[in-house]
């Protein structure tokens, strides 16, 4: 079986330099309800069935 090879067009992109330094003090805090809502929205986006969502709740 032959492989389909995609050829690169144009000039290659230059590597970008990081302008900001990573910080260790960045923190996001959620309540349990907010975390559950985010989790459920992610599962809906994945296409989980309604019954499974109900069991998660």
PDB file of N, CA and C in Angstrom:
ATOM      1  N   UNK A   1       0.845  -1.171   0.000  1.00  0.00           N
ATOM      2  CA  UNK A   1       0.000   0.000   0.000  1.00  0.00           C
ATOM      3  C   UNK A   1       0.897   1.243   0.000  1.00  0.00           C
ATOM      4  N   UNK A   2       0.649   2.166  -0.888  1.00  0.00           N
ATOM      5  CA  UNK A   2       1.464   3.370  -1.021  1.00  0.00           C
ATOM      6  C   UNK A   2       1.039   4.415   0.005  1.00  0.00           C
ATOM      7  N   UNK A   3       2.015   5.138   0.534  1.00  0.00           N
ATOM      8  CA  UNK A   3       1.733   6.209   1.490  1.00  0.00           C
ATOM      9  C   UNK A   3       1.491   7.512   0.745  1.00  0.00           C
ATOM     10  N   UNK A   4       0.548   8.290   1.235  1.00  0.00           N
ATOM     11  CA  UNK A   4       0.318   9.623   0.692  1.00  0.00           C
ATOM     12  C   UNK A   4       1.225  10.592   1.431  1.00  0.00           C
ATOM     13  N   UNK A   5       2.060  11.262   0.719  1.00  0.00           N
ATOM     14  CA  UNK A   5       2.992  12.202   1.328  1.00  0.00           C
ATOM     15  C   UNK A   5       2.581  13.614   0.948  1.00  0.00           C
ATOM     16  N   UNK A   6       2.476  14.462   1.965  1.00  0.00           N
ATOM     17  CA  UNK A   6       2.128  15.858   1.718  1.00  0.00           C
ATOM     18  C   UNK A   6       3.435  16.637   1.667  1.00  0.00           C
ATOM     19  N   UNK A   7       3.675  17.298   0.561  1.00  0.00           N
ATOM     20  CA  UNK A   7       4.901  18.063   0.418  1.00  0.00           C
ATOM     21  C   UNK A   7       4.744  19.435   1.053  1.00  0.00           C
ATOM     22  N   UNK A   8       5.830  19.931   1.617  1.00  0.00           N
ATOM     23  CA  UNK A   8       5.811  21.237   2.256  1.00  0.00           C
ATOM     24  C   UNK A   8       5.943  22.319   1.203  1.00  0.00           C
ATOM     25  N   UNK A   9       5.123  23.337   1.315  1.00  0.00           N
ATOM     26  CA  UNK A   9       5.177  24.456   0.375  1.00  0.00           C
ATOM     27  C   UNK A   9       5.828  25.654   1.026  1.00  0.00           C
ATOM     28  N   UNK A  10       6.417  26.504   0.221  1.00  0.00           N
ATOM     29  CA  UNK A  10       6.956  27.769   0.706  1.00  0.00           C
ATOM     30  C   UNK A  10       8.160  27.591   1.605  1.00  0.00           C
ATOM     31  N   UNK A  11       8.445  28.646   2.339  1.00  0.00           N
ATOM     32  CA  UNK A  11       9.602  28.619   3.231  1.00  0.00           C
ATOM     33  C   UNK A  11       9.174  28.142   4.615  1.00  0.00           C
ATOM     34  N   UNK A  12      10.047  27.456   5.316  1.00  0.00           N
ATOM     35  CA  UNK A  12       9.686  26.991   6.656  1.00  0.00           C
ATOM     36  C   UNK A  12       9.535  28.164   7.626  1.00  0.00           C
ATOM     37  N   UNK A  13       8.675  27.982   8.625  1.00  0.00           N
ATOM     38  CA  UNK A  13       8.457  29.021   9.626  1.00  0.00           C
ATOM     39  C   UNK A  13       9.635  29.084  10.583  1.00  0.00           C
ATOM     40  N   UNK A  14       9.955  30.283  11.019  1.00  0.00           N
ATOM     41  CA  UNK A  14      11.022  30.460  11.998  1.00  0.00           C
ATOM     42  C   UNK A  14      10.483  30.122  13.381  1.00  0.00           C
ATOM     43  N   UNK A  15      11.361  29.626  14.215  1.00  0.00           N
ATOM     44  CA  UNK A  15      10.946  29.341  15.580  1.00  0.00           C
ATOM     45  C   UNK A  15      10.710  30.649  16.317  1.00  0.00           C
ATOM     46  N   UNK A  16       9.638  30.683  17.075  1.00  0.00           N
ATOM     47  CA  UNK A  16       9.316  31.889  17.828  1.00  0.00           C
ATOM     48  C   UNK A  16      10.036  31.878  19.159  1.00  0.00           C
ATOM     49  N   UNK A  17      10.481  33.051  19.553  1.00  0.00           N
ATOM     50  CA  UNK A  17      11.121  33.188  20.851  1.00  0.00           C
ATOM     51  C   UNK A  17      10.051  33.493  21.889  1.00  0.00           C
ATOM     52  N   UNK A  18      10.218  32.921  23.060  1.00  0.00           N
ATOM     53  CA  UNK A  18       9.273  33.147  24.128  1.00  0.00           C
ATOM     54  C   UNK A  18       9.530  34.519  24.731  1.00  0.00           C
ATOM     55  N   UNK A  19       8.492  35.366  24.744  1.00  0.00           N
ATOM     56  CA  UNK A  19       8.667  36.726  25.231  1.00  0.00           C
ATOM     57  C   UNK A  19       8.394  36.842  26.725  1.00  0.00           C
ATOM     58  N   UNK A  20       7.563  35.943  27.250  1.00  0.00           N
ATOM     59  CA  UNK A  20       7.264  35.991  28.679  1.00  0.00           C
ATOM     60  C   UNK A  20       7.909  34.808  29.378  1.00  0.00           C
ATOM     61  N   UNK A  21       8.276  35.026  30.614  1.00  0.00           N
ATOM     62  CA  UNK A  21       8.847  33.951  31.406  1.00  0.00           C
ATOM     63  C   UNK A  21       7.713  33.203  32.105  1.00  0.00           C
ATOM     64  N   UNK A  22       7.794  31.876  32.155  1.00  0.00           N
ATOM     65  CA  UNK A  22       6.743  31.134  32.864  1.00  0.00           C
ATOM     66  C   UNK A  22       6.786  31.454  34.355  1.00  0.00           C
ATOM     67  N   UNK A  23       5.628  31.542  34.951  1.00  0.00           N
ATOM     68  CA  UNK A  23       5.562  31.841  36.380  1.00  0.00           C
ATOM     69  C   UNK A  23       4.923  30.671  37.115  1.00  0.00           C
ATOM     70  N   UNK A  24       5.396  30.409  38.276  1.00  0.00           N
ATOM     71  CA  UNK A  24       4.863  29.324  39.087  1.00  0.00           C
ATOM     72  C   UNK A  24       3.715  29.778  39.977  1.00  0.00           C
ATOM     73  N   UNK A  25       3.478  31.082  40.069  1.00  0.00           N
ATOM     74  CA  UNK A  25       2.469  31.571  40.993  1.00  0.00           C
ATOM     75  C   UNK A  25       1.093  31.739  40.341  1.00  0.00           C
ATOM     76  N   UNK A  26       0.910  31.246  39.123  1.00  0.00           N
ATOM     77  CA  UNK A  26      -0.377  31.348  38.438  1.00  0.00           C
ATOM     78  C   UNK A  26      -1.268  30.212  38.909  1.00  0.00           C
ATOM     79  N   UNK A  27      -2.425  30.550  39.457  1.00  0.00           N
ATOM     80  CA  UNK A  27      -3.291  29.532  40.024  1.00  0.00           C
ATOM     81  C   UNK A  27      -4.743  29.897  39.749  1.00  0.00           C
ATOM     82  N   UNK A  28      -5.537  28.904  39.370  1.00  0.00           N
ATOM     83  CA  UNK A  28      -6.964  29.103  39.173  1.00  0.00           C
ATOM     84  C   UNK A  28      -7.685  28.252  40.199  1.00  0.00           C
ATOM     85  N   UNK A  29      -8.605  28.849  40.906  1.00  0.00           N
ATOM     86  CA  UNK A  29      -9.372  28.117  41.904  1.00  0.00           C
ATOM     87  C   UNK A  29     -10.836  28.102  41.493  1.00  0.00           C
ATOM     88  N   UNK A  30     -11.460  26.932  41.603  1.00  0.00           N
ATOM     89  CA  UNK A  30     -12.868  26.746  41.262  1.00  0.00           C
ATOM     90  C   UNK A  30     -13.607  26.195  42.470  1.00  0.00           C
ATOM     91  N   UNK A  31     -14.897  26.533  42.544  1.00  0.00           N
ATOM     92  CA  UNK A  31     -15.745  25.872  43.525  1.00  0.00           C
ATOM     93  C   UNK A  31     -16.059  24.480  42.972  1.00  0.00           C
ATOM     94  N   UNK A  32     -16.606  23.620  43.806  1.00  0.00           N
ATOM     95  CA  UNK A  32     -16.963  22.270  43.341  1.00  0.00           C
ATOM     96  C   UNK A  32     -18.005  22.345  42.224  1.00  0.00           C
ATOM     97  N   UNK A  33     -18.965  23.257  42.336  1.00  0.00           N
ATOM     98  CA  UNK A  33     -20.008  23.371  41.316  1.00  0.00           C
ATOM     99  C   UNK A  33     -19.425  23.852  39.989  1.00  0.00           C
ATOM    100  N   UNK A  34     -18.520  24.823  40.030  1.00  0.00           N
ATOM    101  CA  UNK A  34     -17.885  25.304  38.803  1.00  0.00           C
ATOM    102  C   UNK A  34     -17.057  24.208  38.149  1.00  0.00           C
ATOM    103  N   UNK A  35     -16.319  23.439  38.954  1.00  0.00           N
ATOM    104  CA  UNK A  35     -15.504  22.349  38.421  1.00  0.00           C
ATOM    105  C   UNK A  35     -16.385  21.278  37.790  1.00  0.00           C
ATOM    106  N   UNK A  36     -17.512  20.961  38.429  1.00  0.00           N
ATOM    107  CA  UNK A  36     -18.442  19.970  37.877  1.00  0.00           C
ATOM    108  C   UNK A  36     -19.031  20.463  36.559  1.00  0.00           C
ATOM    109  N   UNK A  37     -19.400  21.737  36.495  1.00  0.00           N
ATOM    110  CA  UNK A  37     -19.948  22.303  35.259  1.00  0.00           C
ATOM    111  C   UNK A  37     -18.939  22.231  34.116  1.00  0.00           C
ATOM    112  N   UNK A  38     -17.691  22.553  34.402  1.00  0.00           N
ATOM    113  CA  UNK A  38     -16.646  22.485  33.377  1.00  0.00           C
ATOM    114  C   UNK A  38     -16.462  21.046  32.910  1.00  0.00           C
ATOM    115  N   UNK A  39     -16.441  20.108  33.855  1.00  0.00           N
ATOM    116  CA  UNK A  39     -16.288  18.688  33.532  1.00  0.00           C
ATOM    117  C   UNK A  39     -17.441  18.198  32.660  1.00  0.00           C
ATOM    118  N   UNK A  40     -18.668  18.560  33.048  1.00  0.00           N
ATOM    119  CA  UNK A  40     -19.840  18.113  32.280  1.00  0.00           C
ATOM    120  C   UNK A  40     -19.850  18.712  30.877  1.00  0.00           C
ATOM    121  N   UNK A  41     -19.473  19.980  30.739  1.00  0.00           N
ATOM    122  CA  UNK A  41     -19.405  20.586  29.405  1.00  0.00           C
ATOM    123  C   UNK A  41     -18.367  19.889  28.536  1.00  0.00           C
ATOM    124  N   UNK A  42     -17.265  19.487  29.133  1.00  0.00           N
ATOM    125  CA  UNK A  42     -16.238  18.762  28.385  1.00  0.00           C
ATOM    126  C   UNK A  42     -16.777  17.415  27.926  1.00  0.00           C
ATOM    127  N   UNK A  43     -17.531  16.741  28.777  1.00  0.00           N
ATOM    128  CA  UNK A  43     -18.087  15.437  28.421  1.00  0.00           C
ATOM    129  C   UNK A  43     -19.156  15.567  27.339  1.00  0.00           C
ATOM    130  N   UNK A  44     -19.946  16.637  27.380  1.00  0.00           N
ATOM    131  CA  UNK A  44     -20.929  16.884  26.321  1.00  0.00           C
ATOM    132  C   UNK A  44     -20.209  17.094  24.994  1.00  0.00           C
ATOM    133  N   UNK A  45     -19.111  17.832  25.026  1.00  0.00           N
ATOM    134  CA  UNK A  45     -18.329  18.071  23.809  1.00  0.00           C
ATOM    135  C   UNK A  45     -17.735  16.767  23.274  1.00  0.00           C
ATOM    136  N   UNK A  46     -17.420  15.830  24.156  1.00  0.00           N
ATOM    137  CA  UNK A  46     -16.898  14.535  23.729  1.00  0.00           C
ATOM    138  C   UNK A  46     -17.990  13.647  23.138  1.00  0.00           C
ATOM    139  N   UNK A  47     -19.253  13.968  23.409  1.00  0.00           N
ATOM    140  CA  UNK A  47     -20.350  13.190  22.856  1.00  0.00           C
ATOM    141  C   UNK A  47     -20.833  12.076  23.767  1.00  0.00           C
ATOM    142  N   UNK A  48     -20.640  12.251  25.072  1.00  0.00           N
ATOM    143  CA  UNK A  48     -21.091  11.253  26.038  1.00  0.00           C
ATOM    144  C   UNK A  48     -22.621  11.240  26.064  1.00  0.00           C
ATOM    145  N   UNK A  49     -23.194  10.062  26.265  1.00  0.00           N
ATOM    146  CA  UNK A  49     -24.656   9.928  26.272  1.00  0.00           C
ATOM    147  C   UNK A  49     -25.272  10.600  27.498  1.00  0.00           C
ATOM    148  N   UNK A  50     -26.570  10.951  27.359  1.00  0.00           N
ATOM    149  CA  UNK A  50     -27.288  11.655  28.425  1.00  0.00           C
ATOM    150  C   UNK A  50     -27.320  10.845  29.720  1.00  0.00           C
ATOM    151  N   UNK A  51     -27.516   9.543  29.605  1.00  0.00           N
ATOM    152  CA  UNK A  51     -27.573   8.707  30.811  1.00  0.00           C
ATOM    153  C   UNK A  51     -26.233   8.761  31.558  1.00  0.00           C
ATOM    154  N   UNK A  52     -25.139   8.732  30.834  1.00  0.00           N
ATOM    155  CA  UNK A  52     -23.819   8.801  31.458  1.00  0.00           C
ATOM    156  C   UNK A  52     -23.642  10.146  32.152  1.00  0.00           C
ATOM    157  N   UNK A  53     -24.085  11.219  31.501  1.00  0.00           N
ATOM    158  CA  UNK A  53     -24.007  12.543  32.136  1.00  0.00           C
ATOM    159  C   UNK A  53     -24.800  12.571  33.433  1.00  0.00           C
ATOM    160  N   UNK A  54     -25.976  11.968  33.421  1.00  0.00           N
ATOM    161  CA  UNK A  54     -26.799  11.906  34.620  1.00  0.00           C
ATOM    162  C   UNK A  54     -26.112  11.150  35.744  1.00  0.00           C
ATOM    163  N   UNK A  55     -25.385  10.097  35.397  1.00  0.00           N
ATOM    164  CA  UNK A  55     -24.653   9.329  36.414  1.00  0.00           C
ATOM    165  C   UNK A  55     -23.482  10.133  36.968  1.00  0.00           C
ATOM    166  N   UNK A  56     -22.854  10.974  36.133  1.00  0.00           N
ATOM    167  CA  UNK A  56     -21.782  11.826  36.615  1.00  0.00           C
ATOM    168  C   UNK A  56     -22.303  12.834  37.644  1.00  0.00           C
ATOM    169  N   UNK A  57     -23.494  13.369  37.375  1.00  0.00           N
ATOM    170  CA  UNK A  57     -24.076  14.349  38.299  1.00  0.00           C
ATOM    171  C   UNK A  57     -24.408  13.660  39.606  1.00  0.00           C
TER     172      UNK A  57
END
